Amino acid sequence: MSEHETTATDLVTSDGDTPLTDEAFIRCFQSMVPDNVADSFDPVQLKAIAMVFGTRRWRRHAFDRRLVFALFRRNCYFFALAGGERRSAKRRLSDRLLHSVATFGNAAFALVFSPPCCSRCLPCSMC
């Protein structure tokens, strides 16, 4: 083992409890950069690099259906996923603020595709 290679037991998270499990990725990453650069990374930095660029661990969903079908001579892909919310409250709030449902486009879509008001459907003050 070269002096800049690090074992999984050497790499820990900033809290010092959890060993880094992306040892193979770290070794590959360090072999692709110059030795003086590879030696300059501390364990926290290596963990961050592995989390961003390393192998991703896909989570399972409670409901996961995927289907490929041909439509007009083209393959189409349909999927439906459902499961418990795993994002943090801070991330959900950020997503809600950045990607609001209450937009002009959604309102226009609702107006265009909503059924016309009539007394046969629902009584309203406009009829």
C-alpha atoms as a PDB file:
ATOM      1  CA  MET A   1       0.000   0.000   0.000  1.00  0.00           C
ATOM      2  CA  SER A   2       1.426   3.399  -0.926  1.00  0.00           C
ATOM      3  CA  GLU A   3       1.752   6.010   1.756  1.00  0.00           C
ATOM      4  CA  HIS A   4      -1.208   8.092   0.487  1.00  0.00           C
ATOM      5  CA  GLU A   5      -3.681   5.191   0.456  1.00  0.00           C
ATOM      6  CA  THR A   6      -5.993   5.106   3.407  1.00  0.00           C
ATOM      7  CA  THR A   7      -8.004   2.212   4.780  1.00  0.00           C
ATOM      8  CA  ALA A   8     -11.689   2.373   5.600  1.00  0.00           C
ATOM      9  CA  THR A   9     -10.942   2.274   9.306  1.00  0.00           C
ATOM     10  CA  ASP A  10      -8.705   5.344   8.961  1.00  0.00           C
ATOM     11  CA  LEU A  11     -11.408   7.432   7.322  1.00  0.00           C
ATOM     12  CA  VAL A  12     -14.126   8.565   9.669  1.00  0.00           C
ATOM     13  CA  THR A  13     -16.813  11.202   9.608  1.00  0.00           C
ATOM     14  CA  SER A  14     -16.324  14.519  11.387  1.00  0.00           C
ATOM     15  CA  ASP A  15     -18.092  13.134  14.468  1.00  0.00           C
ATOM     16  CA  GLY A  16     -15.490  10.310  14.634  1.00  0.00           C
ATOM     17  CA  ASP A  17     -18.035   7.490  14.784  1.00  0.00           C
ATOM     18  CA  THR A  18     -18.831   6.179  11.325  1.00  0.00           C
ATOM     19  CA  PRO A  19     -16.104   4.630   9.158  1.00  0.00           C
ATOM     20  CA  LEU A  20     -16.106   5.599   5.496  1.00  0.00           C
ATOM     21  CA  THR A  21     -17.344   2.693   3.366  1.00  0.00           C
ATOM     22  CA  ASP A  22     -16.211   3.991  -0.036  1.00  0.00           C
ATOM     23  CA  GLU A  23     -12.669   2.677   0.338  1.00  0.00           C
ATOM     24  CA  ALA A  24     -12.447   1.399  -3.251  1.00  0.00           C
ATOM     25  CA  PHE A  25     -13.566   4.741  -4.649  1.00  0.00           C
ATOM     26  CA  ILE A  26     -11.073   6.622  -2.456  1.00  0.00           C
ATOM     27  CA  ARG A  27      -8.220   4.382  -3.613  1.00  0.00           C
ATOM     28  CA  CYS A  28      -9.179   4.880  -7.264  1.00  0.00           C
ATOM     29  CA  PHE A  29      -9.586   8.628  -6.792  1.00  0.00           C
ATOM     30  CA  GLN A  30      -6.215   8.955  -5.066  1.00  0.00           C
ATOM     31  CA  SER A  31      -4.492   6.942  -7.793  1.00  0.00           C
ATOM     32  CA  MET A  32      -5.740   9.409 -10.418  1.00  0.00           C
ATOM     33  CA  VAL A  33      -4.350  12.553  -8.764  1.00  0.00           C
ATOM     34  CA  PRO A  34      -0.683  13.406  -8.126  1.00  0.00           C
ATOM     35  CA  ASP A  35       0.749  11.989  -4.889  1.00  0.00           C
ATOM     36  CA  ASN A  36       1.290  15.407  -3.315  1.00  0.00           C
ATOM     37  CA  VAL A  37      -2.392  16.280  -3.947  1.00  0.00           C
ATOM     38  CA  ALA A  38      -3.662  12.903  -2.717  1.00  0.00           C
ATOM     39  CA  ASP A  39      -1.672  13.343   0.504  1.00  0.00           C
ATOM     40  CA  SER A  40      -3.202  16.771   1.090  1.00  0.00           C
ATOM     41  CA  PHE A  41      -6.791  15.501   1.606  1.00  0.00           C
ATOM     42  CA  ASP A  42      -7.943  14.915   5.154  1.00  0.00           C
ATOM     43  CA  PRO A  43     -10.530  12.232   6.026  1.00  0.00           C
ATOM     44  CA  VAL A  44     -13.460  14.690   6.102  1.00  0.00           C
ATOM     45  CA  GLN A  45     -12.583  15.965   2.630  1.00  0.00           C
ATOM     46  CA  LEU A  46     -12.239  12.419   1.284  1.00  0.00           C
ATOM     47  CA  LYS A  47     -15.636  11.504   2.696  1.00  0.00           C
ATOM     48  CA  ALA A  48     -17.222  14.556   1.059  1.00  0.00           C
ATOM     49  CA  ILE A  49     -15.616  13.663  -2.277  1.00  0.00           C
ATOM     50  CA  ALA A  50     -16.825  10.062  -1.988  1.00  0.00           C
ATOM     51  CA  MET A  51     -20.351  11.217  -1.161  1.00  0.00           C
ATOM     52  CA  VAL A  52     -20.506  13.511  -4.198  1.00  0.00           C
ATOM     53  CA  PHE A  53     -18.647  11.462  -6.792  1.00  0.00           C
ATOM     54  CA  GLY A  54     -18.573   7.938  -5.378  1.00  0.00           C
ATOM     55  CA  THR A  55     -20.972   5.125  -5.972  1.00  0.00           C
ATOM     56  CA  ARG A  56     -24.483   6.060  -5.057  1.00  0.00           C
ATOM     57  CA  ARG A  57     -26.525   3.845  -2.814  1.00  0.00           C
ATOM     58  CA  TRP A  58     -30.074   3.808  -4.157  1.00  0.00           C
ATOM     59  CA  ARG A  59     -32.786   3.576  -1.584  1.00  0.00           C
ATOM     60  CA  ARG A  60     -35.749   1.306  -1.912  1.00  0.00           C
ATOM     61  CA  HIS A  61     -39.253   2.726  -2.135  1.00  0.00           C
ATOM     62  CA  ALA A  62     -42.384   1.218  -0.627  1.00  0.00           C
ATOM     63  CA  PHE A  63     -43.976   1.278  -4.098  1.00  0.00           C
ATOM     64  CA  ASP A  64     -41.714   1.038  -7.156  1.00  0.00           C
ATOM     65  CA  ARG A  65     -43.213   0.221 -10.569  1.00  0.00           C
ATOM     66  CA  ARG A  66     -41.326   0.719 -13.831  1.00  0.00           C
ATOM     67  CA  LEU A  67     -42.565  -0.048 -17.324  1.00  0.00           C
ATOM     68  CA  VAL A  68     -41.113   0.361 -20.817  1.00  0.00           C
ATOM     69  CA  PHE A  69     -43.520   0.301 -23.752  1.00  0.00           C
ATOM     70  CA  ALA A  70     -43.545   1.208 -27.448  1.00  0.00           C
ATOM     71  CA  LEU A  71     -45.594   4.225 -28.510  1.00  0.00           C
ATOM     72  CA  PHE A  72     -45.497   5.459 -32.112  1.00  0.00           C
ATOM     73  CA  ARG A  73     -42.353   3.377 -32.784  1.00  0.00           C
ATOM     74  CA  ARG A  74     -40.537   4.960 -29.864  1.00  0.00           C
ATOM     75  CA  ASN A  75     -39.790   3.363 -26.526  1.00  0.00           C
ATOM     76  CA  CYS A  76     -41.380   5.187 -23.627  1.00  0.00           C
ATOM     77  CA  TYR A  77     -40.555   4.780 -19.978  1.00  0.00           C
ATOM     78  CA  PHE A  78     -43.173   5.015 -17.236  1.00  0.00           C
ATOM     79  CA  PHE A  79     -42.439   4.828 -13.552  1.00  0.00           C
ATOM     80  CA  ALA A  80     -44.281   5.369 -10.312  1.00  0.00           C
ATOM     81  CA  LEU A  81     -42.526   5.682  -6.965  1.00  0.00           C
ATOM     82  CA  ALA A  82     -44.020   6.199  -3.542  1.00  0.00           C
ATOM     83  CA  GLY A  83     -42.677   6.006  -0.043  1.00  0.00           C
ATOM     84  CA  GLY A  84     -42.034   7.864   3.146  1.00  0.00           C
ATOM     85  CA  GLU A  85     -40.532  11.341   3.087  1.00  0.00           C
ATOM     86  CA  ARG A  86     -36.802  11.151   3.801  1.00  0.00           C
ATOM     87  CA  ARG A  87     -35.749  14.740   3.234  1.00  0.00           C
ATOM     88  CA  SER A  88     -34.994  16.936   6.224  1.00  0.00           C
ATOM     89  CA  ALA A  89     -37.420  19.702   7.223  1.00  0.00           C
ATOM     90  CA  LYS A  90     -34.891  22.293   6.057  1.00  0.00           C
ATOM     91  CA  ARG A  91     -34.615  20.665   2.618  1.00  0.00           C
ATOM     92  CA  ARG A  92     -38.411  20.381   2.258  1.00  0.00           C
ATOM     93  CA  LEU A  93     -38.816  24.065   3.106  1.00  0.00           C
ATOM     94  CA  SER A  94     -36.106  25.021   0.616  1.00  0.00           C
ATOM     95  CA  ASP A  95     -37.747  22.937  -2.127  1.00  0.00           C
ATOM     96  CA  ARG A  96     -41.149  24.405  -1.321  1.00  0.00           C
ATOM     97  CA  LEU A  97     -39.812  27.949  -1.627  1.00  0.00           C
ATOM     98  CA  LEU A  98     -37.844  27.271  -4.816  1.00  0.00           C
ATOM     99  CA  HIS A  99     -40.504  25.184  -6.543  1.00  0.00           C
ATOM    100  CA  SER A 100     -43.818  26.609  -5.456  1.00  0.00           C
ATOM    101  CA  VAL A 101     -47.039  24.956  -6.602  1.00  0.00           C
ATOM    102  CA  ALA A 102     -48.848  28.319  -6.575  1.00  0.00           C
ATOM    103  CA  THR A 103     -47.566  29.611  -9.914  1.00  0.00           C
ATOM    104  CA  PHE A 104     -49.162  31.411 -12.834  1.00  0.00           C
ATOM    105  CA  GLY A 105     -48.648  28.349 -15.059  1.00  0.00           C
ATOM    106  CA  ASN A 106     -50.449  26.029 -12.645  1.00  0.00           C
ATOM    107  CA  ALA A 107     -53.332  28.491 -12.265  1.00  0.00           C
ATOM    108  CA  ALA A 108     -53.648  28.852 -16.060  1.00  0.00           C
ATOM    109  CA  PHE A 109     -53.602  25.063 -16.458  1.00  0.00           C
ATOM    110  CA  ALA A 110     -56.358  24.689 -13.850  1.00  0.00           C
ATOM    111  CA  LEU A 111     -58.506  27.332 -15.554  1.00  0.00           C
ATOM    112  CA  VAL A 112     -58.084  25.854 -19.023  1.00  0.00           C
ATOM    113  CA  PHE A 113     -58.651  22.226 -18.060  1.00  0.00           C
ATOM    114  CA  SER A 114     -61.272  22.594 -15.329  1.00  0.00           C
ATOM    115  CA  PRO A 115     -64.848  21.710 -16.329  1.00  0.00           C
ATOM    116  CA  PRO A 116     -67.207  24.620 -16.989  1.00  0.00           C
ATOM    117  CA  CYS A 117     -69.569  25.540 -14.204  1.00  0.00           C
ATOM    118  CA  CYS A 118     -73.151  24.422 -14.774  1.00  0.00           C
ATOM    119  CA  SER A 119     -76.163  23.694 -12.619  1.00  0.00           C
ATOM    120  CA  ARG A 120     -76.101  20.023 -13.585  1.00  0.00           C
ATOM    121  CA  CYS A 121     -72.647  19.508 -12.048  1.00  0.00           C
ATOM    122  CA  LEU A 122     -72.513  21.696  -8.946  1.00  0.00           C
ATOM    123  CA  PRO A 123     -74.740  24.584  -8.019  1.00  0.00           C
ATOM    124  CA  CYS A 124     -72.852  27.858  -7.834  1.00  0.00           C
ATOM    125  CA  SER A 125     -73.588  31.559  -7.699  1.00  0.00           C
ATOM    126  CA  MET A 126     -72.439  32.052 -11.322  1.00  0.00           C
ATOM    127  CA  CYS A 127     -75.296  29.955 -12.822  1.00  0.00           C
END
